[in-house]
C-alpha atoms as a PDB file:
ATOM      1  CA  MET A   1      -0.240  -0.058   0.158  1.00  0.00           C
ATOM      2  CA  GLU A   2       1.102   4.074  -0.439  1.00  0.00           C
ATOM      3  CA  HIS A   3       0.735   6.489   1.863  1.00  0.00           C
ATOM      4  CA  ILE A   4       1.080  10.250   2.076  1.00  0.00           C
ATOM      5  CA  LEU A   5       2.793  11.408   5.742  1.00  0.00           C
ATOM      6  CA  THR A   6       2.595  15.067   6.036  1.00  0.00           C
ATOM      7  CA  GLU A   7       3.300  17.512   8.836  1.00  0.00           C
ATOM      8  CA  PRO A   8       2.055  17.311  11.904  1.00  0.00           C
ATOM      9  CA  PHE A   9       3.089  14.456  12.044  1.00  0.00           C
ATOM     10  CA  THR A  10       1.480  12.099  14.486  1.00  0.00           C
ATOM     11  CA  LYS A  11       1.096   8.186  15.872  1.00  0.00           C
ATOM     12  CA  ASP A  12      -2.531   8.379  14.873  1.00  0.00           C
ATOM     13  CA  LYS A  13      -1.275   8.853  11.069  1.00  0.00           C
ATOM     14  CA  VAL A  14       1.334   6.210  11.293  1.00  0.00           C
ATOM     15  CA  LYS A  15      -1.000   3.498  13.526  1.00  0.00           C
ATOM     16  CA  GLU A  16      -2.054   1.925  10.330  1.00  0.00           C
ATOM     17  CA  TYR A  17       0.945   1.633   8.354  1.00  0.00           C
ATOM     18  CA  ARG A  18       2.711  -2.114   7.455  1.00  0.00           C
ATOM     19  CA  ALA A  19       5.662  -3.525   7.243  1.00  0.00           C
ATOM     20  CA  GLY A  20       6.143  -3.293   3.212  1.00  0.00           C
ATOM     21  CA  ASP A  21       4.161   0.038   2.555  1.00  0.00           C
ATOM     22  CA  ARG A  22       5.366   2.490   0.915  1.00  0.00           C
ATOM     23  CA  VAL A  23       5.660   6.125   2.168  1.00  0.00           C
ATOM     24  CA  LEU A  24       5.981   9.727   0.969  1.00  0.00           C
ATOM     25  CA  ILE A  25       6.991  11.990   3.501  1.00  0.00           C
ATOM     26  CA  THR A  26       6.696  15.774   3.527  1.00  0.00           C
ATOM     27  CA  GLY A  27       7.270  18.319   6.191  1.00  0.00           C
ATOM     28  CA  THR A  28       9.940  18.701   8.728  1.00  0.00           C
ATOM     29  CA  ILE A  29      12.267  16.065  10.038  1.00  0.00           C
ATOM     30  CA  TYR A  30      15.817  16.060  11.501  1.00  0.00           C
ATOM     31  CA  THR A  31      19.373  14.633  11.118  1.00  0.00           C
ATOM     32  CA  ALA A  32      21.489  12.314  13.615  1.00  0.00           C
ATOM     33  CA  ARG A  33      24.039   9.767  13.461  1.00  0.00           C
ATOM     34  CA  ASP A  34      25.726   8.209  15.978  1.00  0.00           C
ATOM     35  CA  ALA A  35      28.017  10.812  17.767  1.00  0.00           C
ATOM     36  CA  ALA A  36      24.578  13.251  17.570  1.00  0.00           C
ATOM     37  CA  HIS A  37      22.580  10.329  19.376  1.00  0.00           C
ATOM     38  CA  LYS A  38      25.275  10.074  22.150  1.00  0.00           C
ATOM     39  CA  ARG A  39      25.225  13.899  22.596  1.00  0.00           C
ATOM     40  CA  ILE A  40      21.481  14.094  22.862  1.00  0.00           C
ATOM     41  CA  VAL A  41      21.572  11.215  25.345  1.00  0.00           C
ATOM     42  CA  GLU A  42      24.299  12.673  27.507  1.00  0.00           C
ATOM     43  CA  MET A  43      21.923  16.018  27.347  1.00  0.00           C
ATOM     44  CA  LEU A  44      18.739  14.302  28.760  1.00  0.00           C
ATOM     45  CA  ASP A  45      21.076  12.588  31.453  1.00  0.00           C
ATOM     46  CA  ARG A  46      21.940  16.224  32.526  1.00  0.00           C
ATOM     47  CA  GLY A  47      18.634  17.358  32.647  1.00  0.00           C
ATOM     48  CA  GLU A  48      18.876  19.824  29.605  1.00  0.00           C
ATOM     49  CA  ARG A  49      16.534  19.816  26.597  1.00  0.00           C
ATOM     50  CA  PRO A  50      17.813  18.539  23.238  1.00  0.00           C
ATOM     51  CA  PRO A  51      18.245  20.435  20.549  1.00  0.00           C
ATOM     52  CA  PHE A  52      14.610  19.793  19.185  1.00  0.00           C
ATOM     53  CA  ASP A  53      11.715  18.504  20.308  1.00  0.00           C
ATOM     54  CA  ILE A  54      11.557  14.502  20.479  1.00  0.00           C
ATOM     55  CA  GLU A  55       7.832  14.253  20.512  1.00  0.00           C
ATOM     56  CA  ASN A  56       6.926  13.166  16.984  1.00  0.00           C
ATOM     57  CA  SER A  57       9.957  13.705  15.394  1.00  0.00           C
ATOM     58  CA  ILE A  58      11.282  11.931  12.617  1.00  0.00           C
ATOM     59  CA  ILE A  59      15.019  11.252  12.775  1.00  0.00           C
ATOM     60  CA  TYR A  60      16.945  10.638   9.888  1.00  0.00           C
ATOM     61  CA  TYR A  61      20.271   8.591  10.145  1.00  0.00           C
ATOM     62  CA  VAL A  62      22.164  10.365   7.404  1.00  0.00           C
ATOM     63  CA  GLY A  63      25.488  12.406   7.133  1.00  0.00           C
ATOM     64  CA  PRO A  64      25.388  14.384   4.305  1.00  0.00           C
ATOM     65  CA  THR A  65      27.923  15.666   1.914  1.00  0.00           C
ATOM     66  CA  PRO A  66      28.660  19.415   1.360  1.00  0.00           C
ATOM     67  CA  ALA A  67      25.872  20.981  -0.412  1.00  0.00           C
ATOM     68  CA  LYS A  68      27.068  21.737  -4.595  1.00  0.00           C
ATOM     69  CA  PRO A  69      26.459  25.979  -5.367  1.00  0.00           C
ATOM     70  CA  GLY A  70      22.256  26.252  -5.180  1.00  0.00           C
ATOM     71  CA  MET A  71      21.566  23.134  -3.609  1.00  0.00           C
ATOM     72  CA  PRO A  72      20.234  22.966   0.064  1.00  0.00           C
ATOM     73  CA  ILE A  73      22.414  19.888   0.711  1.00  0.00           C
ATOM     74  CA  GLY A  74      24.685  17.332  -0.827  1.00  0.00           C
ATOM     75  CA  SER A  75      24.111  13.347  -0.915  1.00  0.00           C
ATOM     76  CA  ALA A  76      22.017  12.450   1.514  1.00  0.00           C
ATOM     77  CA  GLY A  77      21.918   8.510   1.887  1.00  0.00           C
ATOM     78  CA  PRO A  78      20.734   6.807   4.677  1.00  0.00           C
ATOM     79  CA  THR A  79      23.379   5.544   7.250  1.00  0.00           C
ATOM     80  CA  THR A  80      23.348   1.800   8.785  1.00  0.00           C
ATOM     81  CA  SER A  81      20.913   1.927  11.361  1.00  0.00           C
ATOM     82  CA  TYR A  82      22.072  -0.304  13.675  1.00  0.00           C
ATOM     83  CA  ARG A  83      24.748   2.223  15.380  1.00  0.00           C
ATOM     84  CA  MET A  84      21.830   4.083  16.778  1.00  0.00           C
ATOM     85  CA  ASP A  85      20.160   0.867  18.605  1.00  0.00           C
ATOM     86  CA  ALA A  86      21.838   1.817  21.752  1.00  0.00           C
ATOM     87  CA  TYR A  87      20.279   5.197  22.172  1.00  0.00           C
ATOM     88  CA  ALA A  88      16.908   4.503  19.914  1.00  0.00           C
ATOM     89  CA  PRO A  89      14.943   3.043  22.414  1.00  0.00           C
ATOM     90  CA  ARG A  90      15.407   6.084  24.655  1.00  0.00           C
ATOM     91  CA  LEU A  91      14.574   8.297  22.207  1.00  0.00           C
ATOM     92  CA  LEU A  92      11.212   6.657  21.079  1.00  0.00           C
ATOM     93  CA  ASP A  93      10.247   6.065  24.608  1.00  0.00           C
ATOM     94  CA  LEU A  94      10.211   9.766  24.891  1.00  0.00           C
ATOM     95  CA  GLY A  95       7.857   9.995  22.013  1.00  0.00           C
ATOM     96  CA  GLN A  96       9.877  10.007  18.609  1.00  0.00           C
ATOM     97  CA  LEU A  97       7.536   8.843  15.790  1.00  0.00           C
ATOM     98  CA  ALA A  98       9.965   7.565  13.420  1.00  0.00           C
ATOM     99  CA  MET A  99      13.605   6.612  12.265  1.00  0.00           C
ATOM    100  CA  ILE A 100      14.891   6.623   9.077  1.00  0.00           C
ATOM    101  CA  GLY A 101      17.870   4.455   8.072  1.00  0.00           C
ATOM    102  CA  LYS A 102      18.526   1.145   6.454  1.00  0.00           C
ATOM    103  CA  GLY A 103      19.446  -2.279   8.060  1.00  0.00           C
ATOM    104  CA  GLN A 104      18.023  -4.348  10.470  1.00  0.00           C
ATOM    105  CA  ARG A 105      17.521  -3.252  14.106  1.00  0.00           C
ATOM    106  CA  ASP A 106      18.149  -5.106  17.383  1.00  0.00           C
ATOM    107  CA  GLU A 107      15.230  -6.700  19.333  1.00  0.00           C
ATOM    108  CA  SER A 108      15.354  -3.397  21.805  1.00  0.00           C
ATOM    109  CA  VAL A 109      14.634  -1.198  18.943  1.00  0.00           C
ATOM    110  CA  CYS A 110      11.963  -3.801  17.448  1.00  0.00           C
ATOM    111  CA  GLU A 111      10.383  -3.791  20.861  1.00  0.00           C
ATOM    112  CA  ALA A 112      10.075   0.242  21.685  1.00  0.00           C
ATOM    113  CA  VAL A 113       8.950   0.885  18.462  1.00  0.00           C
ATOM    114  CA  VAL A 114       5.407  -1.501  19.041  1.00  0.00           C
ATOM    115  CA  ARG A 115       5.925  -0.258  23.046  1.00  0.00           C
ATOM    116  CA  ASN A 116       5.465   3.563  21.612  1.00  0.00           C
ATOM    117  CA  GLY A 117       3.416   2.873  18.457  1.00  0.00           C
ATOM    118  CA  ALA A 118       6.468   4.288  16.442  1.00  0.00           C
ATOM    119  CA  ILE A 119       7.815   3.069  13.312  1.00  0.00           C
ATOM    120  CA  TYR A 120      11.126   2.479  11.633  1.00  0.00           C
ATOM    121  CA  PHE A 121      11.500   3.286   7.518  1.00  0.00           C
ATOM    122  CA  ALA A 122      14.166   2.423   5.194  1.00  0.00           C
ATOM    123  CA  ALA A 123      15.370   4.949   2.708  1.00  0.00           C
ATOM    124  CA  ILE A 124      17.012   3.747  -0.244  1.00  0.00           C
ATOM    125  CA  GLY A 125      20.690   2.811  -0.073  1.00  0.00           C
ATOM    126  CA  GLY A 126      22.766   3.792  -2.693  1.00  0.00           C
ATOM    127  CA  ALA A 127      20.844   6.146  -4.278  1.00  0.00           C
ATOM    128  CA  ALA A 128      22.210   9.868  -1.931  1.00  0.00           C
ATOM    129  CA  ALA A 129      21.847  11.707  -5.148  1.00  0.00           C
ATOM    130  CA  LEU A 130      18.378  10.532  -5.161  1.00  0.00           C
ATOM    131  CA  MET A 131      17.489  11.102  -2.036  1.00  0.00           C
ATOM    132  CA  ALA A 132      18.851  14.560  -1.341  1.00  0.00           C
ATOM    133  CA  ARG A 133      16.650  15.726  -4.210  1.00  0.00           C
ATOM    134  CA  GLN A 134      13.230  15.558  -2.257  1.00  0.00           C
ATOM    135  CA  ILE A 135      15.165  17.713   0.211  1.00  0.00           C
ATOM    136  CA  ARG A 136      14.101  21.499   0.174  1.00  0.00           C
ATOM    137  CA  SER A 137      15.912  23.055   3.196  1.00  0.00           C
ATOM    138  CA  ALA A 138      18.720  22.069   5.766  1.00  0.00           C
ATOM    139  CA  GLU A 139      20.070  23.944   8.411  1.00  0.00           C
ATOM    140  CA  VAL A 140      22.333  22.950  11.208  1.00  0.00           C
ATOM    141  CA  ILE A 141      20.753  23.116  14.255  1.00  0.00           C
ATOM    142  CA  ALA A 142      23.548  21.510  16.777  1.00  0.00           C
ATOM    143  CA  PHE A 143      26.658  19.891  17.021  1.00  0.00           C
ATOM    144  CA  GLU A 144      28.013  21.752  14.025  1.00  0.00           C
ATOM    145  CA  GLU A 145      31.514  20.667  15.183  1.00  0.00           C
ATOM    146  CA  LEU A 146      30.441  17.310  14.364  1.00  0.00           C
ATOM    147  CA  GLY A 147      30.446  18.033  10.545  1.00  0.00           C
ATOM    148  CA  ALA A 148      28.412  15.582   8.408  1.00  0.00           C
ATOM    149  CA  GLU A 149      27.193  14.584  11.680  1.00  0.00           C
ATOM    150  CA  ALA A 150      25.830  17.754  12.932  1.00  0.00           C
ATOM    151  CA  VAL A 151      21.885  17.679  13.833  1.00  0.00           C
ATOM    152  CA  ARG A 152      20.573  19.186  10.849  1.00  0.00           C
ATOM    153  CA  ARG A 153      16.546  20.311  10.354  1.00  0.00           C
ATOM    154  CA  LEU A 154      15.470  19.066   6.666  1.00  0.00           C
ATOM    155  CA  TYR A 155      12.593  19.852   5.173  1.00  0.00           C
ATOM    156  CA  VAL A 156      11.583  17.276   2.458  1.00  0.00           C
ATOM    157  CA  GLU A 157       8.942  16.481   0.030  1.00  0.00           C
ATOM    158  CA  GLU A 158       7.808  13.564  -1.030  1.00  0.00           C
ATOM    159  CA  LEU A 159      10.699  11.870  -0.050  1.00  0.00           C
ATOM    160  CA  PRO A 160      10.315   7.866  -0.882  1.00  0.00           C
ATOM    161  CA  LEU A 161      10.525   5.218   2.207  1.00  0.00           C
ATOM    162  CA  THR A 162       9.349   1.872   3.142  1.00  0.00           C
ATOM    163  CA  VAL A 163       8.140   0.906   5.929  1.00  0.00           C
ATOM    164  CA  VAL A 164      10.546  -2.072   7.758  1.00  0.00           C
ATOM    165  CA  LEU A 165       8.869  -1.945  11.633  1.00  0.00           C
ATOM    166  CA  ASP A 166       5.761  -1.060  12.073  1.00  0.00           C
ATOM    167  CA  SER A 167       3.464  -0.542  15.333  1.00  0.00           C
ATOM    168  CA  ALA A 168       1.937  -3.912  15.297  1.00  0.00           C
ATOM    169  CA  GLY A 169       5.126  -5.824  15.322  1.00  0.00           C
ATOM    170  CA  GLY A 170       5.344  -6.170  11.713  1.00  0.00           C
ATOM    171  CA  ASP A 171       9.432  -6.836  10.369  1.00  0.00           C
ATOM    172  CA  LEU A 172       9.828  -6.552   6.618  1.00  0.00           C
ATOM    173  CA  TYR A 173      13.191  -8.243   6.983  1.00  0.00           C
ATOM    174  CA  ARG A 174      11.987 -10.747   9.066  1.00  0.00           C
ATOM    175  CA  GLN A 175       8.967 -11.384   6.794  1.00  0.00           C
ATOM    176  CA  GLY A 176      11.079 -11.271   3.605  1.00  0.00           C
ATOM    177  CA  ARG A 177      13.192 -13.979   5.050  1.00  0.00           C
ATOM    178  CA  GLU A 178      10.385 -16.168   5.732  1.00  0.00           C
ATOM    179  CA  GLU A 179       8.853 -15.890   2.243  1.00  0.00           C
ATOM    180  CA  TYR A 180      12.154 -16.320   0.461  1.00  0.00           C
ATOM    181  CA  LEU A 181      12.731 -19.654   3.054  1.00  0.00           C
ATOM    182  CA  LYS A 182       9.265 -20.711   1.581  1.00  0.00           C
ATOM    183  CA  SER A 183       9.944 -20.572  -1.806  1.00  0.00           C
ATOM    184  CA  VAL A 184      13.209 -22.401  -1.666  1.00  0.00           C
ATOM    185  CA  ALA A 185      11.646 -25.189   0.308  1.00  0.00           C
ATOM    186  CA  LYS A 186       9.231 -25.842  -2.481  1.00  0.00           C
END
């Protein structure tokens, strides 16, 4: 099934999405990779406010390349998500709505997605230039010294994604493996 997700992002809007569904997102999302996640969690541990409101946020695991003249961002392909697995459950428990990346997640992340009615999207790996075309604006909002890993606020239009983990416990990677094994057993 195909869906269009626009701001404001809420759990009610994504609760019917299922693993394998395609989604086009339009609105404000944030970038953060492992170094930024570590700093955000350290801020939370100290009782400080993170650089953006975690509630209903969508975080794209990306470290974009520098923008070419006239462009808001350089290539912006997804990073491997397991590097954020140590931090993701905490942010999901604080209300984060969705994550965008590539690759499987550990069991603690899968459980946190279901527990919090959240979602995990896969972006197209190997198509960083294509993904960047859907980004209309990009602004560093925290940890500028981290370079590509700084936290950015992005405005995206029709960013193409696939649901990997859904709020009902669906897991596209597990389902895909099971279907493959059934097909080769015949």
